[in-house]
Every structure is written in structure tokens, then in C-alpha cells.
Amino acid sequence: MLEKIKAIDEEILSLKKEMELVEGMETEVYSRIVGYYRSVRNWNLGKRGEFKVRVPFSTITGRDIKEVNQTGEVSYESVEDVTDSSLNSYTYFFRTTCPNCPPMKEILKSMGVKAQSFNVDTDEGMEEASRLNIFSAPTVVFFDKKGNEIYRTGNPKDVETRFINSEATA
């Protein structure tokens, strides 16, 4: 038994020595910060801490959810299409000073489904946005009849294409 432990310790030691000889380069990671992309290595301590706790995002494209994590890895998972029978309500997040929020609001008016709106400039709006991991305005989150999220977007054209022109809410 002692010989086996010695052999394992020796193997671990030799592997550690091999790892010291491995050569390579540090990977440069870029991410969006304050409106533009910049190397994470050059961010201040607070922003780097924020980057570490960011949550991956998802968007639905056709029948797939495209998920991208912090390192840029993409994975796909099959989901049902958003249809008349699955769309039940939406929650709209906006800011008072947002130039893109009024066009989104106008498009959403024509949908005719149950809706909630939150101004993220208020404490209540910010709490709800935090609960759903909303990081920008405008953002609309669509839900099915069971209350499950089925789609989210910040682009009015996406809403128009997916729900209004496709007659998903008719």
C-alpha cells in the first residue's frame, strides 16, 4: 500500500514538473463595457469583478435557443416555436431617457395580450429587472401560459417580425 502511494506521489510530482514546462499565451478576452468593446484585462478592479458574475444570455432564433457564455462558447437546444397558443403575456422594461424605448412601446400597443411595464429608473422597476437579469432598455420578455419565458428582445423589429407580422397574437 505504501509503495502505491509513493508511486502516485512521484507521478504527481513529475506531472507538476511537466506543467511548468508548458508554453502558451494568455487568451485575450474582449467584452462590452460602457458602450464599447475593450480587453477585460484593461478593466478596473470593479468592472472585472462585475464581469465574473455576469450571466450568459439567450436569444431564440427559429427553433433554437442560442446560448453564449462569458468565454464565447455557443450551445444550441431545441425548443418549440412561439405560436398563438404559447404566447400569453409580456413584460416591458424601459427608461424615461431612452431614445429607443418609445418605438418599442408603440409596437407593443398593437399586440393585444396581457402586459406589464416597468420603468427601470424606479426602485420597483430595477428590482424586477434584476430578478429577470435585464441589463438594457428597452427589453421585452415574452411568457407562455405557464409563466415560462419564451423570448426576449430589445429590438422593435424582432417583435414586429416574430409576433405582429407572423400573426402569433391573432
Protein backbone atom coordinates (compact mmCIF):
# COMPACT_ATOMS: atom_id res chain seq x y z
CA MET A 1 0.00 0.00 0.00
CA LEU A 2 2.84 2.41 0.91
CA GLU A 3 4.56 1.66 -2.39
CA LYS A 4 1.39 2.50 -4.29
CA ILE A 5 1.11 5.87 -2.50
CA LYS A 6 4.79 6.61 -3.23
CA ALA A 7 4.26 5.79 -6.90
CA ILE A 8 1.25 8.10 -7.09
CA ASP A 9 3.14 10.93 -5.33
CA GLU A 10 6.06 10.52 -7.76
CA GLU A 11 3.69 10.62 -10.73
CA ILE A 12 2.03 13.79 -9.40
CA LEU A 13 5.45 15.39 -8.91
CA SER A 14 6.56 14.52 -12.45
CA LEU A 15 3.29 15.89 -13.89
CA LYS A 16 3.75 19.16 -11.97
CA LYS A 17 7.26 19.49 -13.42
CA GLU A 18 5.88 18.87 -16.93
CA MET A 19 3.23 21.55 -16.41
CA GLU A 20 5.94 24.09 -15.55
CA LEU A 21 7.46 23.48 -19.00
CA VAL A 22 4.19 24.07 -20.88
CA GLU A 23 4.39 27.18 -23.03
CA GLY A 24 1.48 29.22 -24.28
CA MET A 25 -0.09 32.62 -24.39
CA GLU A 26 -2.77 34.14 -22.23
CA THR A 27 -6.05 34.46 -24.11
CA GLU A 28 -7.24 37.99 -24.73
CA VAL A 29 -10.93 38.34 -23.78
CA TYR A 30 -12.94 41.29 -25.06
CA SER A 31 -16.33 42.29 -23.76
CA ARG A 32 -18.62 45.28 -23.91
CA ILE A 33 -18.12 47.92 -21.22
CA VAL A 34 -19.72 51.34 -21.07
CA GLY A 35 -20.83 51.22 -24.70
CA TYR A 36 -17.79 49.77 -26.45
CA TYR A 37 -15.66 46.60 -26.56
CA ARG A 38 -12.40 46.55 -24.64
CA SER A 39 -9.96 43.96 -23.33
CA VAL A 40 -11.12 42.67 -19.93
CA ARG A 41 -7.50 42.70 -18.77
CA ASN A 42 -7.54 46.52 -19.01
CA TRP A 43 -10.73 46.98 -16.98
CA ASN A 44 -10.60 48.39 -13.47
CA LEU A 45 -10.99 46.06 -10.49
CA GLY A 46 -14.72 46.76 -10.02
CA LYS A 47 -15.62 46.12 -13.67
CA ARG A 48 -13.56 42.89 -13.71
CA GLY A 49 -15.49 41.73 -10.64
CA GLU A 50 -18.76 42.57 -12.39
CA PHE A 51 -17.65 40.60 -15.46
CA LYS A 52 -17.05 37.48 -13.35
CA VAL A 53 -20.66 37.44 -12.12
CA ARG A 54 -22.33 38.18 -15.47
CA VAL A 55 -25.00 35.72 -16.52
CA PRO A 56 -24.95 34.16 -20.02
CA PHE A 57 -27.73 35.35 -22.27
CA SER A 58 -30.08 33.56 -24.65
CA THR A 59 -31.93 34.53 -27.79
CA ILE A 60 -34.34 32.36 -29.71
CA THR A 61 -33.55 32.03 -33.39
CA GLY A 62 -36.06 29.92 -35.28
CA ARG A 63 -36.36 26.68 -33.33
CA ASP A 64 -33.11 27.02 -31.35
CA ILE A 65 -32.00 28.85 -28.23
CA LYS A 66 -28.53 30.17 -28.89
CA GLU A 67 -26.67 30.43 -25.59
CA VAL A 68 -23.35 32.21 -25.32
CA ASN A 69 -21.29 32.08 -22.13
CA GLN A 70 -18.60 34.53 -21.00
CA THR A 71 -15.87 32.82 -22.98
CA GLY A 72 -17.91 32.95 -26.19
CA GLU A 73 -18.82 29.25 -26.33
CA VAL A 74 -22.13 28.64 -28.12
CA SER A 75 -24.58 25.84 -27.45
CA TYR A 76 -27.93 25.04 -29.06
CA GLU A 77 -31.01 23.43 -27.62
CA SER A 78 -34.23 22.65 -29.46
CA VAL A 79 -37.39 24.46 -28.35
CA GLU A 80 -40.97 24.75 -29.58
CA ASP A 81 -41.83 27.60 -31.93
CA VAL A 82 -43.52 30.61 -30.41
CA THR A 83 -47.13 30.23 -31.51
CA ASP A 84 -50.55 31.68 -30.88
CA SER A 85 -51.18 29.00 -28.24
CA SER A 86 -47.92 29.62 -26.35
CA LEU A 87 -47.81 33.44 -26.14
CA ASN A 88 -49.71 34.72 -23.14
CA SER A 89 -48.12 37.94 -21.85
CA TYR A 90 -45.09 40.18 -21.89
CA THR A 91 -43.15 42.40 -19.50
CA TYR A 92 -41.65 45.59 -20.92
CA PHE A 93 -38.64 47.33 -19.34
CA PHE A 94 -37.91 50.94 -20.30
CA ARG A 95 -36.14 54.11 -19.17
CA THR A 96 -37.51 57.63 -19.28
CA THR A 97 -34.47 58.95 -21.16
CA CYS A 98 -34.12 56.01 -23.56
CA PRO A 99 -34.35 57.07 -27.24
CA ASN A 100 -35.20 53.51 -28.36
CA CYS A 101 -37.99 52.91 -25.84
CA PRO A 102 -40.85 54.91 -27.50
CA PRO A 103 -40.69 52.92 -30.79
CA MET A 104 -40.83 49.66 -28.82
CA LYS A 105 -43.80 50.93 -26.79
CA GLU A 106 -45.70 51.81 -29.98
CA ILE A 107 -45.19 48.35 -31.48
CA LEU A 108 -46.21 46.62 -28.24
CA LYS A 109 -49.50 48.58 -28.10
CA SER A 110 -50.82 46.63 -31.09
CA MET A 111 -50.18 43.19 -29.59
CA GLY A 112 -53.37 42.78 -27.57
CA VAL A 113 -52.00 40.42 -24.88
CA LYS A 114 -51.63 40.83 -21.12
CA ALA A 115 -48.79 43.23 -20.36
CA GLN A 116 -46.71 44.73 -17.58
CA SER A 117 -44.36 47.69 -17.87
CA PHE A 118 -41.51 48.67 -15.57
CA ASN A 119 -39.51 51.89 -15.61
CA VAL A 120 -36.03 50.77 -14.56
CA ASP A 121 -35.32 54.30 -13.29
CA THR A 122 -37.53 53.43 -10.30
CA ASP A 123 -36.66 51.09 -7.42
CA GLU A 124 -39.54 48.72 -8.28
CA GLY A 125 -38.52 48.61 -11.94
CA MET A 126 -34.88 47.98 -11.10
CA GLU A 127 -35.81 45.15 -8.70
CA GLU A 128 -37.92 43.42 -11.34
CA ALA A 129 -35.22 43.91 -13.99
CA SER A 130 -32.63 42.40 -11.64
CA ARG A 131 -34.90 39.43 -10.93
CA LEU A 132 -35.11 38.65 -14.67
CA ASN A 133 -31.46 39.56 -15.43
CA ILE A 134 -32.38 42.53 -17.63
CA PHE A 135 -29.31 44.65 -18.38
CA SER A 136 -30.53 47.11 -21.02
CA ALA A 137 -33.55 49.14 -22.09
CA PRO A 138 -35.73 48.62 -23.93
CA THR A 139 -36.17 44.92 -23.25
CA VAL A 140 -39.35 42.89 -23.65
CA VAL A 141 -39.71 39.44 -22.12
CA PHE A 142 -42.50 37.23 -23.52
CA PHE A 143 -44.11 34.48 -21.45
CA ASP A 144 -46.26 31.43 -22.21
CA LYS A 145 -49.46 30.49 -20.36
CA LYS A 146 -47.46 28.68 -17.67
CA GLY A 147 -45.36 31.80 -16.97
CA ASN A 148 -42.22 30.42 -18.64
CA GLU A 149 -40.07 32.82 -20.64
CA ILE A 150 -40.27 32.05 -24.35
CA TYR A 151 -38.43 35.01 -25.88
CA ARG A 152 -36.70 38.28 -25.03
CA THR A 153 -35.51 41.13 -27.21
CA GLY A 154 -34.60 44.79 -27.20
CA ASN A 155 -35.24 45.26 -30.91
CA PRO A 156 -38.68 46.54 -32.05
CA LYS A 157 -38.19 44.88 -35.48
CA ASP A 158 -37.85 41.48 -33.75
CA VAL A 159 -41.23 41.98 -32.06
CA GLU A 160 -42.81 43.09 -35.31
CA THR A 161 -41.39 40.17 -37.29
CA ARG A 162 -41.97 37.43 -34.72
CA PHE A 163 -45.32 38.41 -33.24
CA ILE A 164 -47.17 41.03 -35.28
CA ASN A 165 -46.35 40.09 -38.89
CA SER A 166 -46.43 36.35 -38.12
CA GLU A 167 -49.92 36.73 -36.60
CA ALA A 168 -48.78 34.86 -33.47
CA THR A 169 -51.07 37.03 -31.39
CA ALA A 170 -54.10 36.90 -33.70
